[in-house]
Protein backbone atom coordinates (compact mmCIF):
# COMPACT_ATOMS: atom_id res chain seq x y z
CA MET A 1 82.26 22.70 -2.58
CA SER A 2 79.90 20.34 -0.20
CA ALA A 3 76.42 19.82 -0.59
CA LEU A 4 74.02 22.34 1.89
CA LEU A 5 72.14 19.16 1.99
CA SER A 6 72.55 15.48 1.23
CA LEU A 7 70.52 12.49 1.76
CA ARG A 8 71.39 9.41 0.80
CA GLY A 9 68.82 6.70 1.22
CA VAL A 10 66.78 8.31 3.80
CA SER A 11 62.99 6.55 4.96
CA ALA A 12 60.60 7.47 7.65
CA ASP A 13 57.28 6.35 8.58
CA LEU A 14 54.41 8.63 9.80
CA GLY A 15 52.52 5.67 11.74
CA ALA A 16 51.13 2.81 9.35
CA THR A 17 52.61 4.82 6.55
CA HIS A 18 55.59 4.56 4.97
CA ALA A 19 56.03 8.25 4.24
CA LEU A 20 59.20 8.12 2.76
CA ASP A 21 61.17 5.28 0.49
CA GLY A 22 65.20 5.40 -0.02
CA ALA A 23 65.22 9.22 -1.06
CA SER A 24 68.80 10.50 -2.21
CA LEU A 25 69.41 13.96 -3.51
CA ASP A 26 71.81 16.61 -3.06
CA VAL A 27 71.81 20.66 -2.78
CA ALA A 28 74.20 22.31 -3.72
CA PRO A 29 75.42 26.13 -3.02
CA GLY A 30 73.85 28.45 -5.82
CA GLU A 31 70.95 25.87 -6.72
CA ILE A 32 67.58 25.67 -6.84
CA ILE A 33 65.52 22.55 -6.43
CA ALA A 34 61.61 22.02 -7.45
CA LEU A 35 60.15 19.34 -5.59
CA LEU A 36 56.78 18.07 -6.80
CA GLY A 37 54.05 15.42 -6.77
CA PRO A 38 50.57 14.44 -5.59
CA ASN A 39 49.08 15.64 -2.14
CA GLY A 40 50.42 13.25 -0.01
CA ALA A 41 52.91 12.07 -1.74
CA GLY A 42 55.91 12.59 0.76
CA LYS A 43 56.81 16.34 0.19
CA THR A 44 56.56 18.28 3.80
CA THR A 45 58.23 14.82 5.11
CA LEU A 46 60.98 14.77 3.37
CA PHE A 47 61.72 18.73 4.64
CA ARG A 48 61.14 17.58 7.96
CA VAL A 49 63.38 14.41 7.51
CA ALA A 50 66.36 16.82 6.41
CA LEU A 51 65.98 19.26 9.51
CA GLY A 52 65.87 16.29 11.99
CA LEU A 53 62.42 16.91 13.07
CA LEU A 54 61.34 13.36 11.97
CA ALA A 55 63.21 10.20 12.77
CA ALA A 56 64.75 8.67 9.66
CA THR A 57 67.33 5.68 8.43
CA GLY A 58 69.50 6.98 6.44
CA GLU A 59 72.22 9.21 5.63
CA ILE A 60 71.63 12.76 6.45
CA GLY A 61 73.32 16.04 6.20
CA LEU A 62 72.83 19.30 6.68
CA GLY A 63 75.69 21.43 5.77
CA GLY A 64 78.01 18.80 6.73
CA ALA A 65 76.52 17.26 9.92
CA PRO A 66 73.33 14.65 10.86
CA PRO A 67 70.68 17.51 11.59
CA GLN A 68 69.78 15.22 15.01
CA THR A 69 73.10 16.01 16.62
CA LEU A 70 72.51 20.07 16.03
CA SER A 71 71.30 22.49 18.19
CA ALA A 72 68.18 24.45 16.88
CA ARG A 73 70.41 27.27 16.69
CA ASP A 74 72.93 25.56 14.86
CA ARG A 75 70.64 24.56 12.41
CA ALA A 76 68.90 27.89 12.26
CA LEU A 77 71.81 29.24 10.71
CA ARG A 78 72.57 26.49 8.15
CA ALA A 79 69.10 26.14 6.99
CA ALA A 80 65.71 27.96 6.92
CA TYR A 81 62.77 26.41 7.14
CA LEU A 82 59.15 28.04 6.48
CA PRO A 83 56.24 25.36 7.02
CA GLN A 84 53.04 25.03 4.78
CA ARG A 85 50.62 27.91 5.67
CA PRO A 86 52.93 29.55 8.48
CA GLN A 87 50.76 30.82 11.21
CA SER A 88 51.09 34.64 13.12
CA ILE A 89 49.28 34.33 16.42
CA TRP A 90 50.11 37.89 17.55
CA PRO A 91 49.12 40.99 16.04
CA ILE A 92 52.83 41.68 15.83
CA SER A 93 53.69 44.40 13.15
CA VAL A 94 55.25 43.20 9.87
CA GLU A 95 58.54 44.13 10.88
CA ALA A 96 58.23 42.72 13.90
CA LEU A 97 57.40 39.53 12.38
CA VAL A 98 60.45 39.41 9.60
CA ALA A 99 63.14 40.59 12.29
CA LEU A 100 62.39 37.03 13.85
CA GLY A 101 64.47 35.55 11.70
CA ARG A 102 67.26 37.34 13.20
CA PHE A 103 66.83 35.21 16.43
CA ALA A 104 69.26 32.70 15.25
CA HIS A 105 71.97 35.57 15.09
CA GLY A 106 71.00 37.35 18.95
CA ALA A 107 68.82 39.40 17.92
CA ALA A 108 65.07 39.80 18.57
CA PRO A 109 62.93 42.56 17.17
CA ASP A 110 63.29 45.04 20.29
CA ARG A 111 67.03 44.85 20.25
CA LEU A 112 68.20 44.67 16.73
CA GLY A 113 72.37 45.68 15.56
CA ALA A 114 72.92 47.60 13.37
CA GLN A 115 73.83 44.49 10.89
CA ASP A 116 70.26 42.72 11.92
CA GLN A 117 68.63 45.84 10.83
CA ARG A 118 70.10 45.48 7.85
CA ALA A 119 69.28 42.38 7.02
CA VAL A 120 65.74 42.62 7.49
CA ASP A 121 65.39 45.62 5.73
CA GLU A 122 67.07 43.58 2.84
CA ALA A 123 64.37 41.03 3.43
CA ILE A 124 61.12 43.30 3.78
CA GLU A 125 62.61 45.09 -0.04
CA ALA A 126 62.93 41.75 -1.38
CA CYS A 127 59.49 40.99 -0.77
CA GLY A 128 57.95 43.63 -2.02
CA LEU A 129 56.64 44.60 1.51
CA GLY A 130 58.06 47.93 2.45
CA PRO A 131 54.44 49.82 2.75
CA LEU A 132 53.12 47.09 4.74
CA ARG A 133 56.53 47.10 7.42
CA SER A 134 54.58 48.71 9.76
CA ARG A 135 50.92 47.25 9.60
CA ARG A 136 49.91 45.01 11.60
CA MET A 137 49.93 40.70 10.30
CA ASP A 138 46.40 40.28 11.27
CA GLU A 139 45.59 43.26 9.43
CA ILE A 140 47.08 42.37 5.99
CA SER A 141 46.02 39.52 3.16
CA GLY A 142 47.18 36.15 3.46
CA GLY A 143 48.86 36.91 0.13
CA GLU A 144 50.82 39.82 1.79
CA LYS A 145 51.25 37.28 5.39
CA ALA A 146 52.74 34.60 2.82
CA ARG A 147 55.71 37.15 1.52
CA ALA A 148 56.21 38.27 4.86
CA HIS A 149 56.94 35.00 6.41
CA LEU A 150 59.31 34.26 3.61
CA ALA A 151 61.25 37.55 4.35
CA ARG A 152 62.04 35.99 7.88
CA ALA A 153 63.44 33.41 6.23
CA LEU A 154 65.09 35.18 3.96
CA ALA A 155 66.16 37.63 7.14
CA GLN A 156 67.40 34.74 8.71
CA HIS A 157 70.60 34.33 6.23
CA ALA A 158 71.17 31.23 6.25
CA PRO A 159 72.56 29.27 3.03
CA LEU A 160 69.70 26.83 2.51
CA LEU A 161 66.48 27.58 2.12
CA LEU A 162 63.91 24.81 2.32
CA LEU A 163 60.14 26.31 1.59
CA ASP A 164 56.87 24.10 1.47
CA GLU A 165 54.84 25.26 -0.86
CA PRO A 166 56.30 28.96 -1.02
CA THR A 167 53.61 30.35 -3.40
CA ALA A 168 50.70 29.15 -2.14
CA GLY A 169 47.86 30.91 -2.52
CA LEU A 170 49.53 34.08 -4.28
CA ASP A 171 48.35 35.46 -7.36
CA PRO A 172 50.78 34.47 -10.67
CA ALA A 173 52.84 37.92 -10.63
CA GLN A 174 53.36 37.71 -6.87
CA ALA A 175 53.87 33.59 -7.32
CA PHE A 176 56.73 34.76 -9.99
CA GLY A 177 58.43 37.18 -7.86
CA VAL A 178 58.91 34.71 -5.45
CA GLY A 179 60.39 33.13 -8.43
CA ASP A 180 63.06 35.97 -8.42
CA ILE A 181 64.11 36.18 -5.24
CA LEU A 182 64.58 32.82 -4.97
CA ARG A 183 66.96 32.93 -8.10
CA ALA A 184 68.60 35.93 -6.31
CA HIS A 185 69.75 33.82 -3.03
CA ALA A 186 70.91 31.31 -5.55
CA GLU A 187 72.73 33.81 -7.20
CA LYS A 188 74.31 34.88 -4.01
CA GLY A 189 75.77 31.17 -3.70
CA GLY A 190 73.05 30.25 -1.35
CA GLY A 191 70.92 27.01 -1.95
CA VAL A 192 67.04 26.37 -2.32
CA ILE A 193 64.38 23.63 -2.26
CA PHE A 194 61.09 24.28 -2.81
CA SER A 195 58.11 22.14 -2.90
CA THR A 196 55.09 23.37 -5.46
CA HIS A 197 52.30 22.02 -7.07
CA ASP A 198 53.01 24.68 -9.69
CA ILE A 199 54.58 22.84 -12.51
CA ALA A 200 55.48 26.08 -15.03
CA LEU A 201 56.40 27.60 -12.22
CA ALA A 202 58.36 24.70 -11.12
CA ALA A 203 60.03 24.32 -14.09
CA ASP A 204 60.86 28.25 -15.13
CA VAL A 205 62.81 28.89 -11.57
CA ALA A 206 64.40 25.68 -10.69
CA HIS A 207 68.02 24.08 -12.29
CA ARG A 208 66.36 20.49 -10.95
CA VAL A 209 62.77 18.78 -10.46
CA LEU A 210 62.35 15.81 -8.16
CA LEU A 211 59.23 14.43 -9.07
CA ILE A 212 57.92 12.49 -5.98
CA LYS A 213 55.59 9.56 -5.72
CA SER A 214 53.80 7.77 -2.87
CA GLY A 215 57.24 8.50 -0.44
CA ARG A 216 59.88 7.39 -3.86
CA ILE A 217 61.29 10.40 -5.90
CA ILE A 218 60.44 8.51 -9.29
CA ALA A 219 62.44 11.49 -11.86
CA GLN A 220 65.30 14.01 -11.21
CA GLY A 221 67.00 15.97 -13.63
CA ALA A 222 66.81 18.96 -15.42
CA PRO A 223 62.57 20.17 -15.79
CA ALA A 224 63.15 18.95 -19.76
CA ASP A 225 63.71 15.57 -18.31
CA ALA A 226 61.79 15.21 -14.92
CA LEU A 227 58.85 16.39 -16.28
CA ALA A 228 58.89 13.99 -18.91
CA SER A 229 54.89 13.10 -20.56
CA ASP A 230 55.67 9.36 -19.01
CA ALA A 231 57.12 10.62 -15.58
CA LEU A 232 53.87 13.42 -15.33
CA ARG A 233 51.66 10.44 -15.76
CA GLU A 234 53.05 8.08 -13.44
CA ALA A 235 52.96 11.23 -10.73
CA TYR A 236 49.94 12.55 -11.44
CA GLY A 237 47.58 9.26 -13.34
CA ARG A 238 46.83 11.36 -15.75
CA PRO A 239 48.17 11.99 -19.56
CA ALA A 240 50.41 15.04 -19.91
CA HIS A 241 53.43 16.99 -21.06
CA LEU A 242 55.40 20.22 -20.83
CA GLN A 243 55.12 22.76 -23.17
CA ARG A 244 57.37 25.78 -23.52
CA VAL A 245 55.81 29.35 -24.10
CA GLY A 246 57.55 31.83 -24.99
CA ASP A 247 60.41 32.06 -22.46
CA SER A 248 58.10 29.98 -19.81
CA PHE A 249 56.59 26.51 -19.50
CA ALA A 250 53.11 25.09 -19.40
CA ALA A 251 51.95 21.98 -18.18
CA ILE A 252 49.07 20.96 -20.39
CA PHE A 253 46.56 18.03 -19.06
CA GLU A 254 43.97 16.02 -20.78
CA ARG A 255 40.83 14.91 -19.15
């Protein structure tokens, strides 16, 4: 089966900064990829390039087509994008925000067909937002807002999820709950690529990890391989190692 996302030798500049340098990767159906690296490494740039939102050189395939040749609707049917710290500036309900994920399917919060309503209900349930569905977005906590935006992406029913730090601001239990949501999406044949600073979560959830620094992918593979001590030190500038703790992992950094 063809890749949901494919990058081959992709580079991009942000002003005078070489933000992405020869990146290559594939996201296959059923696969979860975690993107790790220090601040400013190029993680968000990679997402924007993958969606055709930023000019780049190299070959990019989003569901088999160059993203810049696709309409906004066609892109939305192939990939759901959750940016860092998404905002909702209107005092709308959680349910109405989640329903915006159906826009690419021709629906809107005030005109949901049966299939659209089912997608919204399933996304709300998956993200544990049932008790909050009627609450206004400006009346709930930051962590609850983050889960509402994730539910909006799920309701989009795109095969590929591109999530830029989806667990930022969440407590540990909620962060691992997001991991369960990503696993469920992959088990249904979807693909996921998400960025995070939580090395332990990435090791626990992802099938593959990409470690990026200064726009270059410096390591990729199974978590235990990509997060080897040498690669962690190169990425973060400190001695570190990945340690298994029971059924999970911990990243140990030395002073």
